[in-house]
Amino acid sequence: MVAPGADRASGREALAFTTRHLSKLPGAAVRIGWIWPFTLTNSPARPCIPSMGDALRSMGKPEEAMPYYKRALSTRIDLFGEQHEYTVAVLGGYGDAAYDAEQYELAIETYKRALQGRTQEAGGENTDTIGWLLNSLGNAHYNQGTYEPARQYYQRAVQVFQEVSGEDSTDTALALYNLG
């Protein structure tokens, strides 16, 4: 996921690089939904530059990014399944793009899928990713005007961050701030 307020210049550079070199990459790279140069492992798990969706989103073009996330998501599900960390990462990016586009229902649905997949993959253990997905669900509900679910997600995010990162972490502080 790209952090809010990410440097838009670096997004433009990544998009230009990706577009320039897209034709040189193997078809599998495009089908998987990530653009990456070959590494020693030749693995789609370690992309070296952002996907087209990430690049477009960081440029403030979430509507243009969404088809790339959707395409990558379909392929990731086919290759790895719904619960795999690679699929969850694309779900998170897709949810963030929907959120940025103010499509809060889609963001909520996508974040819930990512949360379910990450929770099952982690075997019920809390992780910082689970905390961030809960926080993102709270934000989407809050901006949609559904405040009670937002409060519940923020409370859960606080609990997860306290467990994973500690009482005094910046993650816990942000979730507490969102809780009000």
N, C-alpha and C. Protein backbone atom coordinates (compact mmCIF):
# COMPACT_ATOMS: atom_id res chain seq x y z
N MET A 1 0.83 -1.16 0.00
CA MET A 1 0.00 0.00 0.00
C MET A 1 0.88 1.24 0.00
N VAL A 2 0.42 2.26 -0.67
CA VAL A 2 1.16 3.52 -0.72
C VAL A 2 0.66 4.41 0.39
N ALA A 3 1.55 5.01 1.14
CA ALA A 3 1.18 5.86 2.26
C ALA A 3 0.46 7.10 1.77
N PRO A 4 -0.54 7.59 2.54
CA PRO A 4 -1.21 8.83 2.18
C PRO A 4 -0.18 9.94 2.05
N GLY A 5 -0.35 10.79 1.03
CA GLY A 5 0.55 11.90 0.85
C GLY A 5 1.89 11.49 0.26
N ALA A 6 1.95 10.30 -0.37
CA ALA A 6 3.21 9.84 -0.94
C ALA A 6 3.71 10.84 -1.97
N ASP A 7 4.98 10.88 -2.17
CA ASP A 7 5.61 11.81 -3.09
C ASP A 7 5.09 11.56 -4.50
N ARG A 8 4.37 12.53 -5.03
CA ARG A 8 3.76 12.36 -6.35
C ARG A 8 4.82 12.34 -7.45
N ALA A 9 5.93 13.03 -7.27
CA ALA A 9 7.00 13.01 -8.27
C ALA A 9 7.55 11.61 -8.44
N SER A 10 7.74 10.89 -7.33
CA SER A 10 8.26 9.53 -7.44
C SER A 10 7.24 8.63 -8.12
N GLY A 11 5.96 8.90 -7.94
CA GLY A 11 4.91 8.15 -8.65
C GLY A 11 4.98 8.38 -10.14
N ARG A 12 5.20 9.64 -10.56
CA ARG A 12 5.33 9.94 -11.98
C ARG A 12 6.56 9.25 -12.57
N GLU A 13 7.66 9.26 -11.81
CA GLU A 13 8.88 8.61 -12.28
C GLU A 13 8.66 7.10 -12.43
N ALA A 14 7.99 6.49 -11.45
CA ALA A 14 7.73 5.05 -11.51
C ALA A 14 6.84 4.72 -12.69
N LEU A 15 5.81 5.55 -12.94
CA LEU A 15 4.92 5.31 -14.06
C LEU A 15 5.67 5.44 -15.37
N ALA A 16 6.51 6.47 -15.49
CA ALA A 16 7.28 6.66 -16.72
C ALA A 16 8.22 5.48 -16.94
N PHE A 17 8.90 5.05 -15.89
CA PHE A 17 9.82 3.91 -16.00
C PHE A 17 9.05 2.67 -16.41
N THR A 18 7.94 2.43 -15.75
CA THR A 18 7.15 1.23 -16.02
C THR A 18 6.65 1.23 -17.45
N THR A 19 6.12 2.35 -17.89
CA THR A 19 5.60 2.45 -19.24
C THR A 19 6.71 2.25 -20.26
N ARG A 20 7.85 2.86 -20.02
CA ARG A 20 8.99 2.78 -20.93
C ARG A 20 9.49 1.34 -21.08
N HIS A 21 9.49 0.58 -19.99
CA HIS A 21 10.08 -0.74 -20.00
C HIS A 21 9.06 -1.89 -20.06
N LEU A 22 7.79 -1.56 -20.12
CA LEU A 22 6.74 -2.58 -20.11
C LEU A 22 6.91 -3.57 -21.26
N SER A 23 7.23 -3.08 -22.45
CA SER A 23 7.32 -3.97 -23.60
C SER A 23 8.52 -4.92 -23.50
N LYS A 24 9.49 -4.61 -22.66
CA LYS A 24 10.69 -5.43 -22.53
C LYS A 24 10.51 -6.58 -21.54
N LEU A 25 9.44 -6.55 -20.77
CA LEU A 25 9.25 -7.55 -19.72
C LEU A 25 8.51 -8.76 -20.25
N PRO A 26 8.74 -9.92 -19.63
CA PRO A 26 8.03 -11.12 -20.07
C PRO A 26 6.54 -11.01 -19.79
N GLY A 27 5.74 -11.69 -20.62
CA GLY A 27 4.29 -11.65 -20.44
C GLY A 27 3.84 -12.05 -19.06
N ALA A 28 4.57 -12.95 -18.42
CA ALA A 28 4.18 -13.41 -17.09
C ALA A 28 4.21 -12.25 -16.10
N ALA A 29 5.13 -11.32 -16.26
CA ALA A 29 5.22 -10.19 -15.33
C ALA A 29 3.96 -9.37 -15.38
N VAL A 30 3.47 -9.13 -16.59
CA VAL A 30 2.26 -8.33 -16.75
C VAL A 30 1.05 -9.11 -16.25
N ARG A 31 0.98 -10.42 -16.54
CA ARG A 31 -0.16 -11.22 -16.11
C ARG A 31 -0.26 -11.30 -14.59
N ILE A 32 0.87 -11.34 -13.91
CA ILE A 32 0.84 -11.43 -12.46
C ILE A 32 0.37 -10.12 -11.85
N GLY A 33 0.51 -9.02 -12.58
CA GLY A 33 0.01 -7.77 -12.08
C GLY A 33 1.09 -6.90 -11.48
N TRP A 34 2.30 -7.37 -11.46
CA TRP A 34 3.43 -6.58 -10.95
C TRP A 34 4.41 -6.43 -12.08
N ILE A 35 5.09 -5.31 -12.09
CA ILE A 35 6.14 -5.10 -13.06
C ILE A 35 7.44 -5.16 -12.27
N TRP A 36 8.33 -6.08 -12.63
CA TRP A 36 9.58 -6.19 -11.89
C TRP A 36 10.68 -6.70 -12.82
N PRO A 37 11.88 -6.20 -12.61
CA PRO A 37 12.98 -6.78 -13.38
C PRO A 37 13.35 -8.13 -12.77
N PHE A 38 13.96 -9.00 -13.56
CA PHE A 38 14.37 -10.29 -13.04
C PHE A 38 15.33 -10.11 -11.89
N THR A 39 15.14 -10.89 -10.86
CA THR A 39 16.07 -10.92 -9.74
C THR A 39 16.67 -12.31 -9.70
N LEU A 40 17.52 -12.55 -8.75
CA LEU A 40 18.13 -13.88 -8.64
C LEU A 40 17.08 -14.96 -8.45
N THR A 41 16.00 -14.61 -7.76
CA THR A 41 14.96 -15.61 -7.52
C THR A 41 13.90 -15.59 -8.60
N ASN A 42 13.88 -14.54 -9.43
CA ASN A 42 12.87 -14.42 -10.48
C ASN A 42 11.48 -14.59 -9.89
N SER A 43 11.21 -13.93 -8.78
CA SER A 43 9.98 -14.13 -8.03
C SER A 43 9.04 -12.94 -8.13
N PRO A 44 7.73 -13.19 -8.38
CA PRO A 44 6.77 -12.10 -8.40
C PRO A 44 6.50 -11.56 -7.00
N ALA A 45 7.02 -12.21 -6.00
CA ALA A 45 6.78 -11.79 -4.62
C ALA A 45 7.59 -10.56 -4.26
N ARG A 46 8.64 -10.27 -5.01
CA ARG A 46 9.54 -9.17 -4.67
C ARG A 46 9.62 -8.17 -5.82
N PRO A 47 8.55 -7.41 -6.05
CA PRO A 47 8.61 -6.43 -7.12
C PRO A 47 9.61 -5.34 -6.77
N CYS A 48 10.36 -4.90 -7.76
CA CYS A 48 11.37 -3.89 -7.51
C CYS A 48 10.88 -2.48 -7.78
N ILE A 49 9.82 -2.36 -8.54
CA ILE A 49 9.20 -1.05 -8.75
C ILE A 49 7.71 -1.23 -8.57
N PRO A 50 7.01 -0.15 -8.29
CA PRO A 50 5.57 -0.29 -8.02
C PRO A 50 4.80 -0.79 -9.24
N SER A 51 3.67 -1.37 -8.99
CA SER A 51 2.79 -1.76 -10.08
C SER A 51 2.22 -0.50 -10.71
N MET A 52 1.63 -0.66 -11.86
CA MET A 52 1.00 0.49 -12.53
C MET A 52 -0.07 1.10 -11.62
N GLY A 53 -0.81 0.25 -10.91
CA GLY A 53 -1.84 0.77 -10.01
C GLY A 53 -1.25 1.62 -8.91
N ASP A 54 -0.16 1.15 -8.32
CA ASP A 54 0.50 1.93 -7.26
C ASP A 54 1.01 3.26 -7.81
N ALA A 55 1.62 3.21 -9.00
CA ALA A 55 2.16 4.42 -9.60
C ALA A 55 1.05 5.43 -9.88
N LEU A 56 -0.04 4.97 -10.48
CA LEU A 56 -1.15 5.88 -10.78
C LEU A 56 -1.78 6.42 -9.51
N ARG A 57 -1.95 5.56 -8.52
CA ARG A 57 -2.54 6.01 -7.27
C ARG A 57 -1.66 7.06 -6.59
N SER A 58 -0.36 6.87 -6.61
CA SER A 58 0.52 7.83 -5.97
C SER A 58 0.55 9.16 -6.72
N MET A 59 0.10 9.15 -7.97
CA MET A 59 -0.01 10.39 -8.74
C MET A 59 -1.36 11.06 -8.52
N GLY A 60 -2.20 10.48 -7.67
CA GLY A 60 -3.52 11.06 -7.42
C GLY A 60 -4.55 10.67 -8.46
N LYS A 61 -4.37 9.51 -9.10
CA LYS A 61 -5.30 9.03 -10.12
C LYS A 61 -5.87 7.68 -9.72
N PRO A 62 -6.60 7.63 -8.62
CA PRO A 62 -7.08 6.32 -8.14
C PRO A 62 -8.05 5.63 -9.09
N GLU A 63 -8.88 6.42 -9.80
CA GLU A 63 -9.83 5.80 -10.73
C GLU A 63 -9.10 5.08 -11.86
N GLU A 64 -7.99 5.66 -12.32
CA GLU A 64 -7.20 5.01 -13.37
C GLU A 64 -6.44 3.81 -12.83
N ALA A 65 -6.12 3.81 -11.55
CA ALA A 65 -5.37 2.72 -10.94
C ALA A 65 -6.24 1.48 -10.72
N MET A 66 -7.52 1.68 -10.48
CA MET A 66 -8.38 0.57 -10.08
C MET A 66 -8.43 -0.60 -11.07
N PRO A 67 -8.48 -0.36 -12.38
CA PRO A 67 -8.48 -1.51 -13.30
C PRO A 67 -7.20 -2.36 -13.20
N TYR A 68 -6.08 -1.71 -12.91
CA TYR A 68 -4.83 -2.46 -12.76
C TYR A 68 -4.87 -3.34 -11.52
N TYR A 69 -5.39 -2.80 -10.41
CA TYR A 69 -5.53 -3.60 -9.20
C TYR A 69 -6.50 -4.76 -9.43
N LYS A 70 -7.60 -4.47 -10.12
CA LYS A 70 -8.59 -5.52 -10.37
C LYS A 70 -7.99 -6.65 -11.22
N ARG A 71 -7.23 -6.29 -12.22
CA ARG A 71 -6.57 -7.29 -13.07
C ARG A 71 -5.55 -8.10 -12.27
N ALA A 72 -4.75 -7.39 -11.48
CA ALA A 72 -3.75 -8.07 -10.66
C ALA A 72 -4.42 -8.98 -9.65
N LEU A 73 -5.52 -8.52 -9.08
CA LEU A 73 -6.24 -9.31 -8.08
C LEU A 73 -6.75 -10.62 -8.67
N SER A 74 -7.34 -10.54 -9.84
CA SER A 74 -7.86 -11.75 -10.49
C SER A 74 -6.74 -12.76 -10.71
N THR A 75 -5.61 -12.28 -11.18
CA THR A 75 -4.49 -13.17 -11.43
C THR A 75 -3.92 -13.73 -10.14
N ARG A 76 -3.78 -12.88 -9.12
CA ARG A 76 -3.23 -13.35 -7.85
C ARG A 76 -4.12 -14.42 -7.21
N ILE A 77 -5.42 -14.22 -7.30
CA ILE A 77 -6.34 -15.23 -6.75
C ILE A 77 -6.17 -16.54 -7.49
N ASP A 78 -6.09 -16.48 -8.83
CA ASP A 78 -5.89 -17.69 -9.63
C ASP A 78 -4.58 -18.39 -9.27
N LEU A 79 -3.51 -17.61 -9.09
CA LEU A 79 -2.19 -18.20 -8.84
C LEU A 79 -1.99 -18.65 -7.40
N PHE A 80 -2.43 -17.82 -6.45
CA PHE A 80 -2.06 -18.04 -5.05
C PHE A 80 -3.24 -18.29 -4.12
N GLY A 81 -4.46 -17.94 -4.52
CA GLY A 81 -5.62 -18.06 -3.64
C GLY A 81 -5.91 -16.75 -2.93
N GLU A 82 -7.08 -16.68 -2.34
CA GLU A 82 -7.58 -15.46 -1.70
C GLU A 82 -6.81 -15.08 -0.45
N GLN A 83 -6.26 -16.06 0.27
CA GLN A 83 -5.66 -15.80 1.57
C GLN A 83 -4.16 -15.53 1.52
N HIS A 84 -3.56 -15.68 0.38
CA HIS A 84 -2.10 -15.54 0.28
C HIS A 84 -1.69 -14.08 0.48
N GLU A 85 -0.52 -13.87 1.06
CA GLU A 85 -0.05 -12.52 1.35
C GLU A 85 0.07 -11.67 0.10
N TYR A 86 0.39 -12.25 -1.06
CA TYR A 86 0.49 -11.49 -2.30
C TYR A 86 -0.88 -10.98 -2.71
N THR A 87 -1.89 -11.83 -2.55
CA THR A 87 -3.26 -11.43 -2.88
C THR A 87 -3.76 -10.37 -1.91
N VAL A 88 -3.47 -10.56 -0.63
CA VAL A 88 -3.89 -9.58 0.38
C VAL A 88 -3.26 -8.22 0.11
N ALA A 89 -2.02 -8.19 -0.34
CA ALA A 89 -1.36 -6.92 -0.65
C ALA A 89 -2.09 -6.19 -1.78
N VAL A 90 -2.50 -6.94 -2.81
CA VAL A 90 -3.23 -6.32 -3.92
C VAL A 90 -4.61 -5.86 -3.45
N LEU A 91 -5.27 -6.67 -2.63
CA LEU A 91 -6.56 -6.25 -2.08
C LEU A 91 -6.43 -4.94 -1.31
N GLY A 92 -5.37 -4.82 -0.50
CA GLY A 92 -5.16 -3.59 0.24
C GLY A 92 -4.97 -2.40 -0.67
N GLY A 93 -4.17 -2.56 -1.74
CA GLY A 93 -3.97 -1.48 -2.69
C GLY A 93 -5.25 -1.11 -3.41
N TYR A 94 -6.03 -2.12 -3.78
CA TYR A 94 -7.32 -1.90 -4.44
C TYR A 94 -8.27 -1.16 -3.50
N GLY A 95 -8.30 -1.57 -2.25
CA GLY A 95 -9.13 -0.88 -1.26
C GLY A 95 -8.69 0.56 -1.07
N ASP A 96 -7.38 0.79 -1.03
CA ASP A 96 -6.87 2.16 -0.89
C ASP A 96 -7.25 3.02 -2.09
N ALA A 97 -7.18 2.44 -3.30
CA ALA A 97 -7.57 3.20 -4.50
C ALA A 97 -9.06 3.53 -4.45
N ALA A 98 -9.88 2.57 -4.05
CA ALA A 98 -11.32 2.83 -3.92
C ALA A 98 -11.58 3.92 -2.87
N TYR A 99 -10.86 3.86 -1.75
CA TYR A 99 -10.99 4.87 -0.71
C TYR A 99 -10.61 6.25 -1.25
N ASP A 100 -9.47 6.32 -1.94
CA ASP A 100 -9.02 7.59 -2.50
C ASP A 100 -10.01 8.14 -3.51
N ALA A 101 -10.71 7.25 -4.23
CA ALA A 101 -11.71 7.64 -5.21
C ALA A 101 -13.07 7.93 -4.56
N GLU A 102 -13.11 7.87 -3.23
CA GLU A 102 -14.32 8.09 -2.44
C GLU A 102 -15.42 7.08 -2.75
N GLN A 103 -15.01 5.88 -3.15
CA GLN A 103 -15.93 4.76 -3.34
C GLN A 103 -15.87 3.91 -2.09
N TYR A 104 -16.49 4.41 -1.03
CA TYR A 104 -16.31 3.83 0.29
C TYR A 104 -16.91 2.43 0.44
N GLU A 105 -18.02 2.15 -0.24
CA GLU A 105 -18.60 0.80 -0.17
C GLU A 105 -17.62 -0.23 -0.75
N LEU A 106 -17.04 0.09 -1.90
CA LEU A 106 -16.07 -0.80 -2.51
C LEU A 106 -14.83 -0.94 -1.62
N ALA A 107 -14.39 0.17 -1.04
CA ALA A 107 -13.22 0.13 -0.15
C ALA A 107 -13.50 -0.78 1.04
N ILE A 108 -14.68 -0.65 1.64
CA ILE A 108 -15.05 -1.48 2.80
C ILE A 108 -15.08 -2.96 2.41
N GLU A 109 -15.73 -3.26 1.30
CA GLU A 109 -15.82 -4.65 0.84
C GLU A 109 -14.42 -5.22 0.59
N THR A 110 -13.56 -4.44 -0.03
CA THR A 110 -12.22 -4.91 -0.37
C THR A 110 -11.35 -5.06 0.87
N TYR A 111 -11.42 -4.09 1.79
CA TYR A 111 -10.66 -4.19 3.04
C TYR A 111 -11.11 -5.40 3.86
N LYS A 112 -12.42 -5.68 3.85
CA LYS A 112 -12.92 -6.85 4.59
C LYS A 112 -12.37 -8.15 4.00
N ARG A 113 -12.31 -8.23 2.68
CA ARG A 113 -11.73 -9.41 2.04
C ARG A 113 -10.26 -9.56 2.41
N ALA A 114 -9.55 -8.44 2.38
CA ALA A 114 -8.12 -8.47 2.75
C ALA A 114 -7.95 -8.88 4.20
N LEU A 115 -8.79 -8.34 5.07
CA LEU A 115 -8.72 -8.66 6.49
C LEU A 115 -8.99 -10.14 6.73
N GLN A 116 -10.01 -10.68 6.06
CA GLN A 116 -10.33 -12.10 6.21
C GLN A 116 -9.16 -12.96 5.73
N GLY A 117 -8.61 -12.61 4.56
CA GLY A 117 -7.49 -13.38 4.03
C GLY A 117 -6.26 -13.30 4.92
N ARG A 118 -5.95 -12.11 5.42
CA ARG A 118 -4.77 -11.93 6.27
C ARG A 118 -4.95 -12.62 7.61
N THR A 119 -6.15 -12.57 8.17
CA THR A 119 -6.43 -13.21 9.45
C THR A 119 -6.28 -14.72 9.32
N GLN A 120 -6.83 -15.28 8.25
CA GLN A 120 -6.73 -16.73 8.05
C GLN A 120 -5.28 -17.14 7.77
N GLU A 121 -4.57 -16.34 6.98
CA GLU A 121 -3.18 -16.68 6.67
C GLU A 121 -2.31 -16.61 7.91
N ALA A 122 -2.62 -15.66 8.80
CA ALA A 122 -1.83 -15.50 10.03
C ALA A 122 -2.25 -16.49 11.11
N GLY A 123 -3.22 -17.33 10.83
CA GLY A 123 -3.66 -18.34 11.79
C GLY A 123 -4.27 -17.75 13.05
N GLY A 124 -4.93 -16.61 12.90
CA GLY A 124 -5.58 -15.97 14.05
C GLY A 124 -4.67 -15.06 14.85
N GLU A 125 -3.38 -15.05 14.54
CA GLU A 125 -2.44 -14.17 15.23
C GLU A 125 -2.62 -12.74 14.72
N ASN A 126 -2.49 -11.78 15.60
CA ASN A 126 -2.56 -10.39 15.18
C ASN A 126 -1.24 -9.96 14.56
N THR A 127 -1.33 -9.12 13.54
CA THR A 127 -0.16 -8.56 12.88
C THR A 127 -0.40 -7.07 12.65
N ASP A 128 0.66 -6.35 12.33
CA ASP A 128 0.47 -4.93 12.04
C ASP A 128 -0.41 -4.73 10.81
N THR A 129 -0.34 -5.65 9.84
CA THR A 129 -1.20 -5.55 8.66
C THR A 129 -2.67 -5.64 9.05
N ILE A 130 -2.99 -6.51 9.98
CA ILE A 130 -4.37 -6.61 10.45
C ILE A 130 -4.78 -5.30 11.12
N GLY A 131 -3.90 -4.72 11.91
CA GLY A 131 -4.20 -3.43 12.54
C GLY A 131 -4.46 -2.35 11.51
N TRP A 132 -3.62 -2.31 10.47
CA TRP A 132 -3.82 -1.28 9.44
C TRP A 132 -5.09 -1.51 8.64
N LEU A 133 -5.45 -2.75 8.38
CA LEU A 133 -6.70 -3.02 7.67
C LEU A 133 -7.90 -2.61 8.53
N LEU A 134 -7.84 -2.89 9.82
CA LEU A 134 -8.91 -2.45 10.73
C LEU A 134 -9.02 -0.93 10.74
N ASN A 135 -7.88 -0.27 10.81
CA ASN A 135 -7.86 1.19 10.81
C ASN A 135 -8.44 1.74 9.50
N SER A 136 -8.07 1.11 8.37
CA SER A 136 -8.59 1.53 7.07
C SER A 136 -10.10 1.32 6.98
N LEU A 137 -10.60 0.21 7.54
CA LEU A 137 -12.04 -0.01 7.59
C LEU A 137 -12.73 1.07 8.42
N GLY A 138 -12.11 1.45 9.53
CA GLY A 138 -12.65 2.54 10.34
C GLY A 138 -12.71 3.84 9.55
N ASN A 139 -11.63 4.15 8.83
CA ASN A 139 -11.61 5.38 8.03
C ASN A 139 -12.69 5.39 6.96
N ALA A 140 -12.86 4.26 6.26
CA ALA A 140 -13.86 4.19 5.21
C ALA A 140 -15.27 4.36 5.78
N HIS A 141 -15.54 3.69 6.90
CA HIS A 141 -16.86 3.85 7.53
C HIS A 141 -17.06 5.28 8.01
N TYR A 142 -16.04 5.86 8.60
CA TYR A 142 -16.15 7.24 9.09
C TYR A 142 -16.48 8.20 7.94
N ASN A 143 -15.77 8.08 6.84
CA ASN A 143 -16.01 8.97 5.70
C ASN A 143 -17.32 8.69 5.01
N GLN A 144 -17.85 7.50 5.20
CA GLN A 144 -19.16 7.15 4.66
C GLN A 144 -20.28 7.66 5.58
N GLY A 145 -19.92 8.04 6.80
CA GLY A 145 -20.91 8.53 7.74
C GLY A 145 -21.51 7.45 8.62
N THR A 146 -20.95 6.25 8.60
CA THR A 146 -21.41 5.15 9.47
C THR A 146 -20.44 5.09 10.65
N TYR A 147 -20.76 5.87 11.67
CA TYR A 147 -19.81 6.13 12.75
C TYR A 147 -19.67 4.98 13.76
N GLU A 148 -20.74 4.24 14.02
CA GLU A 148 -20.62 3.15 14.99
C GLU A 148 -19.69 2.04 14.49
N PRO A 149 -19.86 1.59 13.23
CA PRO A 149 -18.87 0.60 12.75
C PRO A 149 -17.46 1.18 12.73
N ALA A 150 -17.32 2.46 12.39
CA ALA A 150 -15.99 3.09 12.39
C ALA A 150 -15.37 3.00 13.78
N ARG A 151 -16.15 3.32 14.80
CA ARG A 151 -15.65 3.26 16.18
C ARG A 151 -15.22 1.85 16.55
N GLN A 152 -16.02 0.86 16.14
CA GLN A 152 -15.68 -0.53 16.47
C GLN A 152 -14.39 -0.97 15.79
N TYR A 153 -14.21 -0.59 14.54
CA TYR A 153 -12.97 -0.95 13.84
C TYR A 153 -11.76 -0.24 14.46
N TYR A 154 -11.94 1.03 14.81
CA TYR A 154 -10.84 1.76 15.46
C TYR A 154 -10.47 1.11 16.81
N GLN A 155 -11.48 0.69 17.58
CA GLN A 155 -11.20 0.03 18.86
C GLN A 155 -10.41 -1.26 18.66
N ARG A 156 -10.82 -2.03 17.66
CA ARG A 156 -10.10 -3.27 17.36
C ARG A 156 -8.67 -2.97 16.90
N ALA A 157 -8.50 -1.92 16.10
CA ALA A 157 -7.16 -1.54 15.63
C ALA A 157 -6.27 -1.17 16.82
N VAL A 158 -6.82 -0.42 17.78
CA VAL A 158 -6.06 -0.06 18.98
C VAL A 158 -5.60 -1.32 19.70
N GLN A 159 -6.51 -2.27 19.89
CA GLN A 159 -6.16 -3.51 20.58
C GLN A 159 -5.05 -4.27 19.86
N VAL A 160 -5.16 -4.36 18.54
CA VAL A 160 -4.16 -5.09 17.76
C VAL A 160 -2.81 -4.37 17.84
N PHE A 161 -2.81 -3.06 17.65
CA PHE A 161 -1.55 -2.32 17.69
C PHE A 161 -0.91 -2.37 19.07
N GLN A 162 -1.73 -2.32 20.12
CA GLN A 162 -1.16 -2.44 21.46
C GLN A 162 -0.49 -3.78 21.64
N GLU A 163 -1.13 -4.84 21.14
CA GLU A 163 -0.57 -6.18 21.27
C GLU A 163 0.70 -6.35 20.42
N VAL A 164 0.66 -5.87 19.19
CA VAL A 164 1.75 -6.11 18.24
C VAL A 164 2.88 -5.10 18.40
N SER A 165 2.54 -3.83 18.57
CA SER A 165 3.55 -2.77 18.55
C SER A 165 3.83 -2.14 19.91
N GLY A 166 2.91 -2.37 20.86
CA GLY A 166 3.10 -1.80 22.19
C GLY A 166 2.24 -0.57 22.43
N GLU A 167 2.09 -0.24 23.70
CA GLU A 167 1.25 0.88 24.13
C GLU A 167 1.72 2.22 23.58
N ASP A 168 3.04 2.40 23.45
CA ASP A 168 3.60 3.69 23.10
C ASP A 168 3.99 3.81 21.63
N SER A 169 3.52 2.91 20.79
CA SER A 169 3.91 2.95 19.38
C SER A 169 3.13 4.02 18.63
N THR A 170 3.70 4.46 17.51
CA THR A 170 3.00 5.44 16.68
C THR A 170 1.74 4.84 16.06
N ASP A 171 1.75 3.54 15.78
CA ASP A 171 0.56 2.88 15.24
C ASP A 171 -0.58 2.94 16.25
N THR A 172 -0.27 2.63 17.51
CA THR A 172 -1.29 2.69 18.56
C THR A 172 -1.78 4.12 18.73
N ALA A 173 -0.86 5.08 18.69
CA ALA A 173 -1.24 6.49 18.85
C ALA A 173 -2.18 6.94 17.75
N LEU A 174 -1.90 6.54 16.50
CA LEU A 174 -2.78 6.93 15.39
C LEU A 174 -4.16 6.33 15.55
N ALA A 175 -4.22 5.05 15.92
CA ALA A 175 -5.52 4.41 16.09
C ALA A 175 -6.30 5.05 17.24
N LEU A 176 -5.60 5.40 18.32
CA LEU A 176 -6.26 6.11 19.43
C LEU A 176 -6.76 7.49 18.99
N TYR A 177 -5.97 8.17 18.19
CA TYR A 177 -6.38 9.47 17.66
C TYR A 177 -7.66 9.33 16.82
N ASN A 178 -7.68 8.32 15.95
CA ASN A 178 -8.85 8.10 15.12
C ASN A 178 -10.08 7.74 15.96
N LEU A 179 -9.84 7.05 17.04
CA LEU A 179 -10.94 6.67 17.93
C LEU A 179 -11.56 7.90 18.59
N GLY A 180 -10.75 8.93 18.73
CA GLY A 180 -11.27 10.19 19.25
C GLY A 180 -10.89 10.40 20.66
